[in-house]
Amino acid sequence: MNDFLDKVSEFLSKYPGLLPILGLVLIVVNLVLQLFPGNWFVDRNILLHLGLIISLIGLLVIRPLT
């Protein structure tokens, strides 16, 4: 488990803006999926919430890794 966390930490330190960008992509995908209503996946806004959480975690992790 420590090796995995070390590898993830090294990867994120090379690309510090990756998690916020990934979160923004998920939010935009959620926006596009809103054009096709009727699906439980769209009604619950899962990608919106997931994108917001990933973006916030990414913003919090940028500073300690650099």
PDB file of N, CA and C in Angstrom:
ATOM      1  N   MET A   1       0.818  -1.193   0.000  1.00  0.00           N
ATOM      2  CA  MET A   1       0.000   0.000   0.000  1.00  0.00           C
ATOM      3  C   MET A   1       0.864   1.260   0.000  1.00  0.00           C
ATOM      4  N   ASN A   2       1.969   1.223   0.735  1.00  0.00           N
ATOM      5  CA  ASN A   2       2.864   2.377   0.761  1.00  0.00           C
ATOM      6  C   ASN A   2       3.487   2.638  -0.600  1.00  0.00           C
ATOM      7  N   ASP A   3       3.835   1.571  -1.305  1.00  0.00           N
ATOM      8  CA  ASP A   3       4.400   1.744  -2.642  1.00  0.00           C
ATOM      9  C   ASP A   3       3.398   2.384  -3.585  1.00  0.00           C
ATOM     10  N   PHE A   4       2.139   1.962  -3.487  1.00  0.00           N
ATOM     11  CA  PHE A   4       1.091   2.536  -4.322  1.00  0.00           C
ATOM     12  C   PHE A   4       0.920   4.028  -4.038  1.00  0.00           C
ATOM     13  N   LEU A   5       0.872   4.389  -2.761  1.00  0.00           N
ATOM     14  CA  LEU A   5       0.722   5.794  -2.400  1.00  0.00           C
ATOM     15  C   LEU A   5       1.930   6.619  -2.818  1.00  0.00           C
ATOM     16  N   ASP A   6       3.120   6.041  -2.747  1.00  0.00           N
ATOM     17  CA  ASP A   6       4.314   6.743  -3.213  1.00  0.00           C
ATOM     18  C   ASP A   6       4.259   7.001  -4.709  1.00  0.00           C
ATOM     19  N   LYS A   7       3.817   6.005  -5.469  1.00  0.00           N
ATOM     20  CA  LYS A   7       3.713   6.170  -6.927  1.00  0.00           C
ATOM     21  C   LYS A   7       2.662   7.205  -7.297  1.00  0.00           C
ATOM     22  N   VAL A   8       1.518   7.170  -6.609  1.00  0.00           N
ATOM     23  CA  VAL A   8       0.466   8.156  -6.873  1.00  0.00           C
ATOM     24  C   VAL A   8       0.951   9.548  -6.501  1.00  0.00           C
ATOM     25  N   SER A   9       1.649   9.668  -5.398  1.00  0.00           N
ATOM     26  CA  SER A   9       2.177  10.954  -4.963  1.00  0.00           C
ATOM     27  C   SER A   9       3.182  11.508  -5.966  1.00  0.00           C
ATOM     28  N   GLU A  10       4.068  10.667  -6.460  1.00  0.00           N
ATOM     29  CA  GLU A  10       5.040  11.102  -7.467  1.00  0.00           C
ATOM     30  C   GLU A  10       4.353  11.526  -8.747  1.00  0.00           C
ATOM     31  N   PHE A  11       3.347  10.757  -9.176  1.00  0.00           N
ATOM     32  CA  PHE A  11       2.627  11.080 -10.412  1.00  0.00           C
ATOM     33  C   PHE A  11       1.899  12.417 -10.281  1.00  0.00           C
ATOM     34  N   LEU A  12       1.219  12.614  -9.150  1.00  0.00           N
ATOM     35  CA  LEU A  12       0.480  13.861  -8.966  1.00  0.00           C
ATOM     36  C   LEU A  12       1.402  15.059  -8.775  1.00  0.00           C
ATOM     37  N   SER A  13       2.606  14.837  -8.275  1.00  0.00           N
ATOM     38  CA  SER A  13       3.542  15.956  -8.143  1.00  0.00           C
ATOM     39  C   SER A  13       4.074  16.381  -9.508  1.00  0.00           C
ATOM     40  N   LYS A  14       4.116  15.452 -10.465  1.00  0.00           N
ATOM     41  CA  LYS A  14       4.530  15.813 -11.830  1.00  0.00           C
ATOM     42  C   LYS A  14       3.434  16.598 -12.545  1.00  0.00           C
ATOM     43  N   TYR A  15       2.176  16.241 -12.289  1.00  0.00           N
ATOM     44  CA  TYR A  15       1.023  16.875 -12.934  1.00  0.00           C
ATOM     45  C   TYR A  15       0.061  17.403 -11.864  1.00  0.00           C
ATOM     46  N   PRO A  16       0.382  18.531 -11.250  1.00  0.00           N
ATOM     47  CA  PRO A  16      -0.424  18.987 -10.109  1.00  0.00           C
ATOM     48  C   PRO A  16      -1.836  19.426 -10.475  1.00  0.00           C
ATOM     49  N   GLY A  17      -2.079  19.809 -11.711  1.00  0.00           N
ATOM     50  CA  GLY A  17      -3.403  20.268 -12.088  1.00  0.00           C
ATOM     51  C   GLY A  17      -4.289  19.191 -12.667  1.00  0.00           C
ATOM     52  N   LEU A  18      -3.862  17.963 -12.604  1.00  0.00           N
ATOM     53  CA  LEU A  18      -4.611  16.880 -13.234  1.00  0.00           C
ATOM     54  C   LEU A  18      -5.947  16.616 -12.549  1.00  0.00           C
ATOM     55  N   LEU A  19      -5.980  16.548 -11.238  1.00  0.00           N
ATOM     56  CA  LEU A  19      -7.229  16.257 -10.534  1.00  0.00           C
ATOM     57  C   LEU A  19      -8.271  17.365 -10.700  1.00  0.00           C
ATOM     58  N   PRO A  20      -7.915  18.645 -10.581  1.00  0.00           N
ATOM     59  CA  PRO A  20      -8.932  19.669 -10.842  1.00  0.00           C
ATOM     60  C   PRO A  20      -9.457  19.647 -12.271  1.00  0.00           C
ATOM     61  N   ILE A  21      -8.593  19.382 -13.231  1.00  0.00           N
ATOM     62  CA  ILE A  21      -9.046  19.305 -14.623  1.00  0.00           C
ATOM     63  C   ILE A  21      -9.947  18.097 -14.822  1.00  0.00           C
ATOM     64  N   LEU A  22      -9.605  16.977 -14.223  1.00  0.00           N
ATOM     65  CA  LEU A  22     -10.461  15.789 -14.308  1.00  0.00           C
ATOM     66  C   LEU A  22     -11.829  16.066 -13.687  1.00  0.00           C
ATOM     67  N   GLY A  23     -11.849  16.757 -12.572  1.00  0.00           N
ATOM     68  CA  GLY A  23     -13.113  17.119 -11.942  1.00  0.00           C
ATOM     69  C   GLY A  23     -13.947  18.032 -12.824  1.00  0.00           C
ATOM     70  N   LEU A  24     -13.294  19.007 -13.466  1.00  0.00           N
ATOM     71  CA  LEU A  24     -14.022  19.898 -14.367  1.00  0.00           C
ATOM     72  C   LEU A  24     -14.571  19.151 -15.577  1.00  0.00           C
ATOM     73  N   VAL A  25     -13.823  18.188 -16.080  1.00  0.00           N
ATOM     74  CA  VAL A  25     -14.316  17.370 -17.196  1.00  0.00           C
ATOM     75  C   VAL A  25     -15.559  16.591 -16.778  1.00  0.00           C
ATOM     76  N   LEU A  26     -15.551  16.025 -15.587  1.00  0.00           N
ATOM     77  CA  LEU A  26     -16.726  15.299 -15.105  1.00  0.00           C
ATOM     78  C   LEU A  26     -17.932  16.216 -14.954  1.00  0.00           C
ATOM     79  N   ILE A  27     -17.707  17.440 -14.512  1.00  0.00           N
ATOM     80  CA  ILE A  27     -18.804  18.394 -14.371  1.00  0.00           C
ATOM     81  C   ILE A  27     -19.376  18.765 -15.731  1.00  0.00           C
ATOM     82  N   VAL A  28     -18.512  18.961 -16.728  1.00  0.00           N
ATOM     83  CA  VAL A  28     -18.983  19.282 -18.077  1.00  0.00           C
ATOM     84  C   VAL A  28     -19.723  18.096 -18.689  1.00  0.00           C
ATOM     85  N   VAL A  29     -19.242  16.881 -18.458  1.00  0.00           N
ATOM     86  CA  VAL A  29     -19.950  15.692 -18.952  1.00  0.00           C
ATOM     87  C   VAL A  29     -21.331  15.600 -18.316  1.00  0.00           C
ATOM     88  N   ASN A  30     -21.427  15.930 -17.040  1.00  0.00           N
ATOM     89  CA  ASN A  30     -22.725  15.941 -16.373  1.00  0.00           C
ATOM     90  C   ASN A  30     -23.647  16.963 -17.022  1.00  0.00           C
ATOM     91  N   LEU A  31     -23.109  18.133 -17.369  1.00  0.00           N
ATOM     92  CA  LEU A  31     -23.897  19.166 -18.017  1.00  0.00           C
ATOM     93  C   LEU A  31     -24.427  18.688 -19.366  1.00  0.00           C
ATOM     94  N   VAL A  32     -23.592  18.013 -20.132  1.00  0.00           N
ATOM     95  CA  VAL A  32     -24.009  17.496 -21.435  1.00  0.00           C
ATOM     96  C   VAL A  32     -25.060  16.402 -21.262  1.00  0.00           C
ATOM     97  N   LEU A  33     -24.888  15.547 -20.262  1.00  0.00           N
ATOM     98  CA  LEU A  33     -25.858  14.474 -20.034  1.00  0.00           C
ATOM     99  C   LEU A  33     -27.217  14.999 -19.574  1.00  0.00           C
ATOM    100  N   GLN A  34     -27.259  16.224 -19.062  1.00  0.00           N
ATOM    101  CA  GLN A  34     -28.539  16.803 -18.662  1.00  0.00           C
ATOM    102  C   GLN A  34     -29.458  17.036 -19.860  1.00  0.00           C
ATOM    103  N   LEU A  35     -28.878  17.042 -21.063  1.00  0.00           N
ATOM    104  CA  LEU A  35     -29.684  17.204 -22.269  1.00  0.00           C
ATOM    105  C   LEU A  35     -30.492  15.956 -22.592  1.00  0.00           C
ATOM    106  N   PHE A  36     -30.144  14.819 -21.984  1.00  0.00           N
ATOM    107  CA  PHE A  36     -30.832  13.554 -22.204  1.00  0.00           C
ATOM    108  C   PHE A  36     -31.461  13.084 -20.893  1.00  0.00           C
ATOM    109  N   PRO A  37     -32.614  13.666 -20.517  1.00  0.00           N
ATOM    110  CA  PRO A  37     -33.203  13.331 -19.214  1.00  0.00           C
ATOM    111  C   PRO A  37     -33.839  11.951 -19.205  1.00  0.00           C
ATOM    112  N   GLY A  38     -34.171  11.498 -18.012  1.00  0.00           N
ATOM    113  CA  GLY A  38     -34.886  10.239 -17.860  1.00  0.00           C
ATOM    114  C   GLY A  38     -34.052   9.097 -17.329  1.00  0.00           C
ATOM    115  N   ASN A  39     -32.770   9.280 -17.222  1.00  0.00           N
ATOM    116  CA  ASN A  39     -31.881   8.239 -16.717  1.00  0.00           C
ATOM    117  C   ASN A  39     -31.610   8.506 -15.233  1.00  0.00           C
ATOM    118  N   TRP A  40     -31.576   7.468 -14.404  1.00  0.00           N
ATOM    119  CA  TRP A  40     -31.317   7.649 -12.973  1.00  0.00           C
ATOM    120  C   TRP A  40     -29.938   8.232 -12.742  1.00  0.00           C
ATOM    121  N   PHE A  41     -28.996   7.904 -13.635  1.00  0.00           N
ATOM    122  CA  PHE A  41     -27.627   8.404 -13.525  1.00  0.00           C
ATOM    123  C   PHE A  41     -27.609   9.925 -13.677  1.00  0.00           C
ATOM    124  N   VAL A  42     -28.446  10.432 -14.570  1.00  0.00           N
ATOM    125  CA  VAL A  42     -28.523  11.870 -14.808  1.00  0.00           C
ATOM    126  C   VAL A  42     -29.335  12.554 -13.714  1.00  0.00           C
ATOM    127  N   ASP A  43     -30.402  11.924 -13.284  1.00  0.00           N
ATOM    128  CA  ASP A  43     -31.274  12.523 -12.274  1.00  0.00           C
ATOM    129  C   ASP A  43     -30.567  12.737 -10.944  1.00  0.00           C
ATOM    130  N   ARG A  44     -29.641  11.887 -10.604  1.00  0.00           N
ATOM    131  CA  ARG A  44     -28.934  11.992  -9.321  1.00  0.00           C
ATOM    132  C   ARG A  44     -27.711  12.913  -9.386  1.00  0.00           C
ATOM    133  N   ASN A  45     -27.321  13.346 -10.579  1.00  0.00           N
ATOM    134  CA  ASN A  45     -26.147  14.227 -10.760  1.00  0.00           C
ATOM    135  C   ASN A  45     -24.889  13.617 -10.153  1.00  0.00           C
ATOM    136  N   ILE A  46     -24.677  12.353 -10.394  1.00  0.00           N
ATOM    137  CA  ILE A  46     -23.529  11.644  -9.816  1.00  0.00           C
ATOM    138  C   ILE A  46     -22.214  12.232 -10.315  1.00  0.00           C
ATOM    139  N   LEU A  47     -22.130  12.513 -11.611  1.00  0.00           N
ATOM    140  CA  LEU A  47     -20.881  13.047 -12.148  1.00  0.00           C
ATOM    141  C   LEU A  47     -20.601  14.455 -11.628  1.00  0.00           C
ATOM    142  N   LEU A  48     -21.644  15.219 -11.389  1.00  0.00           N
ATOM    143  CA  LEU A  48     -21.461  16.562 -10.831  1.00  0.00           C
ATOM    144  C   LEU A  48     -20.847  16.482  -9.438  1.00  0.00           C
ATOM    145  N   HIS A  49     -21.413  15.628  -8.604  1.00  0.00           N
ATOM    146  CA  HIS A  49     -20.902  15.497  -7.237  1.00  0.00           C
ATOM    147  C   HIS A  49     -19.499  14.891  -7.223  1.00  0.00           C
ATOM    148  N   LEU A  50     -19.282  13.886  -8.039  1.00  0.00           N
ATOM    149  CA  LEU A  50     -17.961  13.257  -8.108  1.00  0.00           C
ATOM    150  C   LEU A  50     -16.915  14.238  -8.628  1.00  0.00           C
ATOM    151  N   GLY A  51     -17.275  15.009  -9.648  1.00  0.00           N
ATOM    152  CA  GLY A  51     -16.354  16.008 -10.190  1.00  0.00           C
ATOM    153  C   GLY A  51     -16.016  17.086  -9.194  1.00  0.00           C
ATOM    154  N   LEU A  52     -17.004  17.503  -8.417  1.00  0.00           N
ATOM    155  CA  LEU A  52     -16.759  18.522  -7.407  1.00  0.00           C
ATOM    156  C   LEU A  52     -15.835  18.010  -6.303  1.00  0.00           C
ATOM    157  N   ILE A  53     -16.064  16.779  -5.870  1.00  0.00           N
ATOM    158  CA  ILE A  53     -15.209  16.190  -4.828  1.00  0.00           C
ATOM    159  C   ILE A  53     -13.783  16.012  -5.327  1.00  0.00           C
ATOM    160  N   ILE A  54     -13.625  15.505  -6.547  1.00  0.00           N
ATOM    161  CA  ILE A  54     -12.279  15.293  -7.097  1.00  0.00           C
ATOM    162  C   ILE A  54     -11.560  16.628  -7.281  1.00  0.00           C
ATOM    163  N   SER A  55     -12.276  17.649  -7.745  1.00  0.00           N
ATOM    164  CA  SER A  55     -11.653  18.965  -7.918  1.00  0.00           C
ATOM    165  C   SER A  55     -11.191  19.550  -6.595  1.00  0.00           C
ATOM    166  N   LEU A  56     -12.030  19.451  -5.579  1.00  0.00           N
ATOM    167  CA  LEU A  56     -11.643  19.996  -4.274  1.00  0.00           C
ATOM    168  C   LEU A  56     -10.463  19.243  -3.675  1.00  0.00           C
ATOM    169  N   ILE A  57     -10.477  17.924  -3.793  1.00  0.00           N
ATOM    170  CA  ILE A  57      -9.334  17.148  -3.299  1.00  0.00           C
ATOM    171  C   ILE A  57      -8.068  17.518  -4.072  1.00  0.00           C
ATOM    172  N   GLY A  58      -8.207  17.678  -5.380  1.00  0.00           N
ATOM    173  CA  GLY A  58      -7.058  18.070  -6.195  1.00  0.00           C
ATOM    174  C   GLY A  58      -6.502  19.423  -5.802  1.00  0.00           C
ATOM    175  N   LEU A  59      -7.381  20.377  -5.504  1.00  0.00           N
ATOM    176  CA  LEU A  59      -6.905  21.685  -5.080  1.00  0.00           C
ATOM    177  C   LEU A  59      -6.233  21.627  -3.714  1.00  0.00           C
ATOM    178  N   LEU A  60      -6.728  20.772  -2.838  1.00  0.00           N
ATOM    179  CA  LEU A  60      -6.120  20.656  -1.517  1.00  0.00           C
ATOM    180  C   LEU A  60      -4.783  19.926  -1.565  1.00  0.00           C
ATOM    181  N   VAL A  61      -4.595  19.051  -2.537  1.00  0.00           N
ATOM    182  CA  VAL A  61      -3.392  18.223  -2.605  1.00  0.00           C
ATOM    183  C   VAL A  61      -2.270  18.924  -3.374  1.00  0.00           C
ATOM    184  N   ILE A  62      -2.600  19.925  -4.172  1.00  0.00           N
ATOM    185  CA  ILE A  62      -1.570  20.586  -4.992  1.00  0.00           C
ATOM    186  C   ILE A  62      -0.451  21.157  -4.130  1.00  0.00           C
ATOM    187  N   ARG A  63      -0.803  21.872  -3.094  1.00  0.00           N
ATOM    188  CA  ARG A  63       0.215  22.551  -2.303  1.00  0.00           C
ATOM    189  C   ARG A  63       1.145  21.577  -1.553  1.00  0.00           C
ATOM    190  N   PRO A  64       0.664  20.552  -0.884  1.00  0.00           N
ATOM    191  CA  PRO A  64       1.587  19.658  -0.172  1.00  0.00           C
ATOM    192  C   PRO A  64       2.524  18.878  -1.106  1.00  0.00           C
ATOM    193  N   LEU A  65       2.102  18.635  -2.337  1.00  0.00           N
ATOM    194  CA  LEU A  65       2.936  17.833  -3.235  1.00  0.00           C
ATOM    195  C   LEU A  65       4.024  18.643  -3.933  1.00  0.00           C
ATOM    196  N   THR A  66       3.900  19.971  -3.956  1.00  0.00           N
ATOM    197  CA  THR A  66       4.903  20.771  -4.653  1.00  0.00           C
ATOM    198  C   THR A  66       5.949  21.288  -3.709  1.00  0.00           C
TER     199      THR A  66
END
